[in-house]
Amino acid sequence: MVSTDDFQVGTLLTPVNNSPFIKFFINNLPINRPGLDPFFRGLEVGMAHGYWLFGPFVVLGPLRLTAFRPPDIEQLSILAALISAIVVVVAGTLALSLYATVGPDDDTKFGAEGWSRFAGGWLIGGGGGALFAALLYLFRGPLLVMLLGIIPG
């Protein structure tokens, strides 16, 4: 985008979208990184989404850790949150696969085969990210002791 002196045309240049750091950051996101296979793009994006999808289901899910639940169902609540996060990842995979099938033919980003590979990477990465988050949450006490020397109370 080029700036212009004509005030009627306007410009969208701001210190945020014209910053070299922001341009570098946006261009190095997995979806924009040059030379990366669509499967590995989907794997990286899926891992991040699977990892952060687990948290809201633990904190806000029906088996959340409140004072009113029995103390012996913590593992069940973690399992329910893991299954819920994986279900959301599978729903996203179905949406990506549908887009790969019925999306525009002139898609210059990946094409139908690329979007299909992206969806496969998303599924594996999303499930793995959710599983990793669940394991971190399940073993948070021993991890705190091992890494920081903190005894959870």
C-alpha atoms as a PDB file:
ATOM      1  CA  MET A   1       0.000   0.000   0.000  1.00  0.00           C
ATOM      2  CA  VAL A   2       1.401   3.366  -0.947  1.00  0.00           C
ATOM      3  CA  SER A   3       0.554   6.592   0.747  1.00  0.00           C
ATOM      4  CA  THR A   4      -0.880   9.453  -1.246  1.00  0.00           C
ATOM      5  CA  ASP A   5      -1.203  13.179  -0.808  1.00  0.00           C
ATOM      6  CA  ASP A   6      -4.795  13.126  -2.000  1.00  0.00           C
ATOM      7  CA  PHE A   7      -6.889  13.309   1.176  1.00  0.00           C
ATOM      8  CA  GLN A   8      -9.961  11.941  -0.625  1.00  0.00           C
ATOM      9  CA  VAL A   9      -8.261   8.645  -1.477  1.00  0.00           C
ATOM     10  CA  GLY A  10      -6.982   8.013   2.029  1.00  0.00           C
ATOM     11  CA  THR A  11      -4.455   5.462   3.138  1.00  0.00           C
ATOM     12  CA  LEU A  12      -4.439   2.459   5.400  1.00  0.00           C
ATOM     13  CA  LEU A  13      -0.834   2.855   6.529  1.00  0.00           C
ATOM     14  CA  THR A  14      -0.508   2.877  10.298  1.00  0.00           C
ATOM     15  CA  PRO A  15       2.478   2.425  12.590  1.00  0.00           C
ATOM     16  CA  VAL A  16       1.219  -1.104  13.258  1.00  0.00           C
ATOM     17  CA  ASN A  17       0.624  -2.462   9.770  1.00  0.00           C
ATOM     18  CA  ASN A  18       3.593  -0.632   8.249  1.00  0.00           C
ATOM     19  CA  SER A  19       6.115  -1.698  10.899  1.00  0.00           C
ATOM     20  CA  PRO A  20       8.956  -3.956   9.708  1.00  0.00           C
ATOM     21  CA  PHE A  21       8.602  -6.086  12.848  1.00  0.00           C
ATOM     22  CA  ILE A  22       4.893  -6.702  12.226  1.00  0.00           C
ATOM     23  CA  LYS A  23       5.570  -7.552   8.573  1.00  0.00           C
ATOM     24  CA  PHE A  24       8.308  -9.987   9.638  1.00  0.00           C
ATOM     25  CA  PHE A  25       6.002 -11.540  12.246  1.00  0.00           C
ATOM     26  CA  ILE A  26       3.060 -11.973   9.859  1.00  0.00           C
ATOM     27  CA  ASN A  27       5.262 -13.387   7.104  1.00  0.00           C
ATOM     28  CA  ASN A  28       6.739 -15.974   9.486  1.00  0.00           C
ATOM     29  CA  LEU A  29       3.443 -17.357  10.747  1.00  0.00           C
ATOM     30  CA  PRO A  30       3.062 -20.987   9.631  1.00  0.00           C
ATOM     31  CA  ILE A  31       0.303 -20.163   7.142  1.00  0.00           C
ATOM     32  CA  ASN A  32       2.550 -17.625   5.365  1.00  0.00           C
ATOM     33  CA  ARG A  33       6.021 -19.138   5.819  1.00  0.00           C
ATOM     34  CA  PRO A  34       7.592 -19.779   2.409  1.00  0.00           C
ATOM     35  CA  GLY A  35       8.741 -23.273   1.462  1.00  0.00           C
ATOM     36  CA  LEU A  36       6.694 -25.147   4.071  1.00  0.00           C
ATOM     37  CA  ASP A  37       4.587 -28.155   3.065  1.00  0.00           C
ATOM     38  CA  PRO A  38       0.822 -27.709   3.752  1.00  0.00           C
ATOM     39  CA  PHE A  39       0.862 -30.790   6.015  1.00  0.00           C
ATOM     40  CA  PHE A  40       3.478 -29.213   8.285  1.00  0.00           C
ATOM     41  CA  ARG A  41       1.629 -25.900   8.215  1.00  0.00           C
ATOM     42  CA  GLY A  42      -1.485 -27.712   9.428  1.00  0.00           C
ATOM     43  CA  LEU A  43       0.548 -29.631  12.009  1.00  0.00           C
ATOM     44  CA  GLU A  44       1.958 -26.451  13.523  1.00  0.00           C
ATOM     45  CA  VAL A  45      -1.334 -24.551  13.487  1.00  0.00           C
ATOM     46  CA  GLY A  46      -3.183 -27.595  14.848  1.00  0.00           C
ATOM     47  CA  MET A  47      -0.722 -28.048  17.724  1.00  0.00           C
ATOM     48  CA  ALA A  48      -1.224 -24.483  18.847  1.00  0.00           C
ATOM     49  CA  HIS A  49      -5.012 -24.688  18.618  1.00  0.00           C
ATOM     50  CA  GLY A  50      -5.251 -28.092  20.278  1.00  0.00           C
ATOM     51  CA  TYR A  51      -3.067 -26.838  23.115  1.00  0.00           C
ATOM     52  CA  TRP A  52      -5.153 -23.772  23.882  1.00  0.00           C
ATOM     53  CA  LEU A  53      -8.518 -25.473  23.316  1.00  0.00           C
ATOM     54  CA  PHE A  54      -7.940 -27.774  26.291  1.00  0.00           C
ATOM     55  CA  GLY A  55      -7.849 -24.974  28.892  1.00  0.00           C
ATOM     56  CA  PRO A  56     -11.374 -23.566  28.570  1.00  0.00           C
ATOM     57  CA  PHE A  57     -12.879 -27.040  28.829  1.00  0.00           C
ATOM     58  CA  VAL A  58     -11.005 -27.700  32.091  1.00  0.00           C
ATOM     59  CA  VAL A  59     -11.845 -24.335  33.602  1.00  0.00           C
ATOM     60  CA  LEU A  60     -15.375 -23.841  32.244  1.00  0.00           C
ATOM     61  CA  GLY A  61     -16.550 -27.371  31.391  1.00  0.00           C
ATOM     62  CA  PRO A  62     -19.296 -29.255  33.210  1.00  0.00           C
ATOM     63  CA  LEU A  63     -16.752 -31.182  35.310  1.00  0.00           C
ATOM     64  CA  ARG A  64     -14.710 -28.099  36.203  1.00  0.00           C
ATOM     65  CA  LEU A  65     -12.750 -27.966  39.401  1.00  0.00           C
ATOM     66  CA  THR A  66     -15.145 -26.308  41.842  1.00  0.00           C
ATOM     67  CA  ALA A  67     -15.798 -26.732  45.542  1.00  0.00           C
ATOM     68  CA  PHE A  68     -19.035 -28.591  44.798  1.00  0.00           C
ATOM     69  CA  ARG A  69     -17.589 -31.524  42.873  1.00  0.00           C
ATOM     70  CA  PRO A  70     -16.233 -34.648  44.522  1.00  0.00           C
ATOM     71  CA  PRO A  71     -12.433 -34.486  44.831  1.00  0.00           C
ATOM     72  CA  ASP A  72     -11.888 -37.911  43.285  1.00  0.00           C
ATOM     73  CA  ILE A  73     -13.037 -37.027  39.755  1.00  0.00           C
ATOM     74  CA  GLU A  74     -10.156 -34.756  38.782  1.00  0.00           C
ATOM     75  CA  GLN A  75      -8.829 -37.275  36.247  1.00  0.00           C
ATOM     76  CA  LEU A  76     -12.330 -37.628  34.820  1.00  0.00           C
ATOM     77  CA  SER A  77     -12.617 -33.868  34.385  1.00  0.00           C
ATOM     78  CA  ILE A  78      -9.241 -33.803  32.612  1.00  0.00           C
ATOM     79  CA  LEU A  79     -10.353 -36.657  30.349  1.00  0.00           C
ATOM     80  CA  ALA A  80     -13.649 -34.896  29.580  1.00  0.00           C
ATOM     81  CA  ALA A  81     -11.778 -31.697  28.692  1.00  0.00           C
ATOM     82  CA  LEU A  82      -9.356 -33.649  26.489  1.00  0.00           C
ATOM     83  CA  ILE A  83     -12.183 -35.382  24.645  1.00  0.00           C
ATOM     84  CA  SER A  84     -14.024 -32.077  24.205  1.00  0.00           C
ATOM     85  CA  ALA A  85     -10.931 -30.373  22.773  1.00  0.00           C
ATOM     86  CA  ILE A  86     -10.345 -33.276  20.378  1.00  0.00           C
ATOM     87  CA  VAL A  87     -13.989 -33.105  19.245  1.00  0.00           C
ATOM     88  CA  VAL A  88     -13.537 -29.419  18.409  1.00  0.00           C
ATOM     89  CA  VAL A  89     -10.337 -30.261  16.503  1.00  0.00           C
ATOM     90  CA  VAL A  90     -12.197 -32.976  14.559  1.00  0.00           C
ATOM     91  CA  ALA A  91     -14.967 -30.470  13.745  1.00  0.00           C
ATOM     92  CA  GLY A  92     -12.327 -28.065  12.442  1.00  0.00           C
ATOM     93  CA  THR A  93     -10.827 -30.882  10.379  1.00  0.00           C
ATOM     94  CA  LEU A  94     -14.218 -31.603   8.847  1.00  0.00           C
ATOM     95  CA  ALA A  95     -14.641 -27.920   7.997  1.00  0.00           C
ATOM     96  CA  LEU A  96     -11.188 -27.773   6.405  1.00  0.00           C
ATOM     97  CA  SER A  97     -11.874 -30.958   4.437  1.00  0.00           C
ATOM     98  CA  LEU A  98     -15.168 -29.526   3.235  1.00  0.00           C
ATOM     99  CA  TYR A  99     -13.395 -26.360   2.119  1.00  0.00           C
ATOM    100  CA  ALA A 100     -10.815 -28.475   0.281  1.00  0.00           C
ATOM    101  CA  THR A 101     -13.635 -30.262  -1.525  1.00  0.00           C
ATOM    102  CA  VAL A 102     -15.961 -27.390  -2.421  1.00  0.00           C
ATOM    103  CA  GLY A 103     -13.609 -24.405  -2.188  1.00  0.00           C
ATOM    104  CA  PRO A 104     -12.782 -22.203  -5.146  1.00  0.00           C
ATOM    105  CA  ASP A 105     -10.794 -23.839  -7.939  1.00  0.00           C
ATOM    106  CA  ASP A 106      -8.551 -20.820  -8.348  1.00  0.00           C
ATOM    107  CA  ASP A 107      -7.357 -20.885  -4.725  1.00  0.00           C
ATOM    108  CA  THR A 108      -3.776 -19.709  -5.023  1.00  0.00           C
ATOM    109  CA  LYS A 109      -2.798 -20.493  -1.421  1.00  0.00           C
ATOM    110  CA  PHE A 110      -2.754 -24.306  -1.550  1.00  0.00           C
ATOM    111  CA  GLY A 111      -5.279 -25.712  -3.991  1.00  0.00           C
ATOM    112  CA  ALA A 112      -7.592 -28.621  -3.133  1.00  0.00           C
ATOM    113  CA  GLU A 113      -4.781 -31.122  -2.532  1.00  0.00           C
ATOM    114  CA  GLY A 114      -2.907 -28.661  -0.309  1.00  0.00           C
ATOM    115  CA  TRP A 115      -5.967 -27.910   1.810  1.00  0.00           C
ATOM    116  CA  SER A 116      -6.533 -31.628   2.191  1.00  0.00           C
ATOM    117  CA  ARG A 117      -2.951 -32.072   3.432  1.00  0.00           C
ATOM    118  CA  PHE A 118      -3.385 -29.054   5.714  1.00  0.00           C
ATOM    119  CA  ALA A 119      -6.499 -30.665   7.227  1.00  0.00           C
ATOM    120  CA  GLY A 120      -4.591 -33.909   7.898  1.00  0.00           C
ATOM    121  CA  GLY A 121      -1.811 -32.014   9.640  1.00  0.00           C
ATOM    122  CA  TRP A 122      -4.390 -30.013  11.598  1.00  0.00           C
ATOM    123  CA  LEU A 123      -6.012 -33.214  12.893  1.00  0.00           C
ATOM    124  CA  ILE A 124      -2.756 -34.812  14.030  1.00  0.00           C
ATOM    125  CA  GLY A 125      -1.350 -31.572  15.436  1.00  0.00           C
ATOM    126  CA  GLY A 126      -4.583 -30.588  17.181  1.00  0.00           C
ATOM    127  CA  GLY A 127      -4.987 -33.972  18.850  1.00  0.00           C
ATOM    128  CA  GLY A 128      -1.343 -33.991  19.876  1.00  0.00           C
ATOM    129  CA  GLY A 129      -1.503 -30.443  21.223  1.00  0.00           C
ATOM    130  CA  ALA A 130      -4.591 -31.232  23.296  1.00  0.00           C
ATOM    131  CA  LEU A 131      -2.982 -34.423  24.615  1.00  0.00           C
ATOM    132  CA  PHE A 132       0.200 -32.528  25.506  1.00  0.00           C
ATOM    133  CA  ALA A 133      -1.820 -29.886  27.380  1.00  0.00           C
ATOM    134  CA  ALA A 134      -3.743 -32.594  29.245  1.00  0.00           C
ATOM    135  CA  LEU A 135      -0.532 -34.357  30.274  1.00  0.00           C
ATOM    136  CA  LEU A 136       0.980 -31.080  31.445  1.00  0.00           C
ATOM    137  CA  TYR A 137      -2.145 -30.359  33.465  1.00  0.00           C
ATOM    138  CA  LEU A 138      -2.341 -33.878  34.875  1.00  0.00           C
ATOM    139  CA  PHE A 139       1.275 -33.899  36.027  1.00  0.00           C
ATOM    140  CA  ARG A 140       1.452 -30.236  37.023  1.00  0.00           C
ATOM    141  CA  GLY A 141       2.382 -31.034  40.642  1.00  0.00           C
ATOM    142  CA  PRO A 142       5.408 -33.229  39.874  1.00  0.00           C
ATOM    143  CA  LEU A 143       6.448 -30.849  37.098  1.00  0.00           C
ATOM    144  CA  LEU A 144       6.439 -27.857  39.454  1.00  0.00           C
ATOM    145  CA  VAL A 145       8.517 -29.766  41.959  1.00  0.00           C
ATOM    146  CA  MET A 146      10.925 -31.030  39.324  1.00  0.00           C
ATOM    147  CA  LEU A 147      11.360 -27.784  37.398  1.00  0.00           C
ATOM    148  CA  LEU A 148      10.960 -25.079  40.019  1.00  0.00           C
ATOM    149  CA  GLY A 149      11.230 -26.786  43.371  1.00  0.00           C
ATOM    150  CA  ILE A 150       7.736 -25.573  44.277  1.00  0.00           C
ATOM    151  CA  ILE A 151       5.571 -27.902  46.295  1.00  0.00           C
ATOM    152  CA  PRO A 152       1.948 -27.332  45.248  1.00  0.00           C
ATOM    153  CA  GLY A 153      -0.411 -26.669  48.097  1.00  0.00           C
END
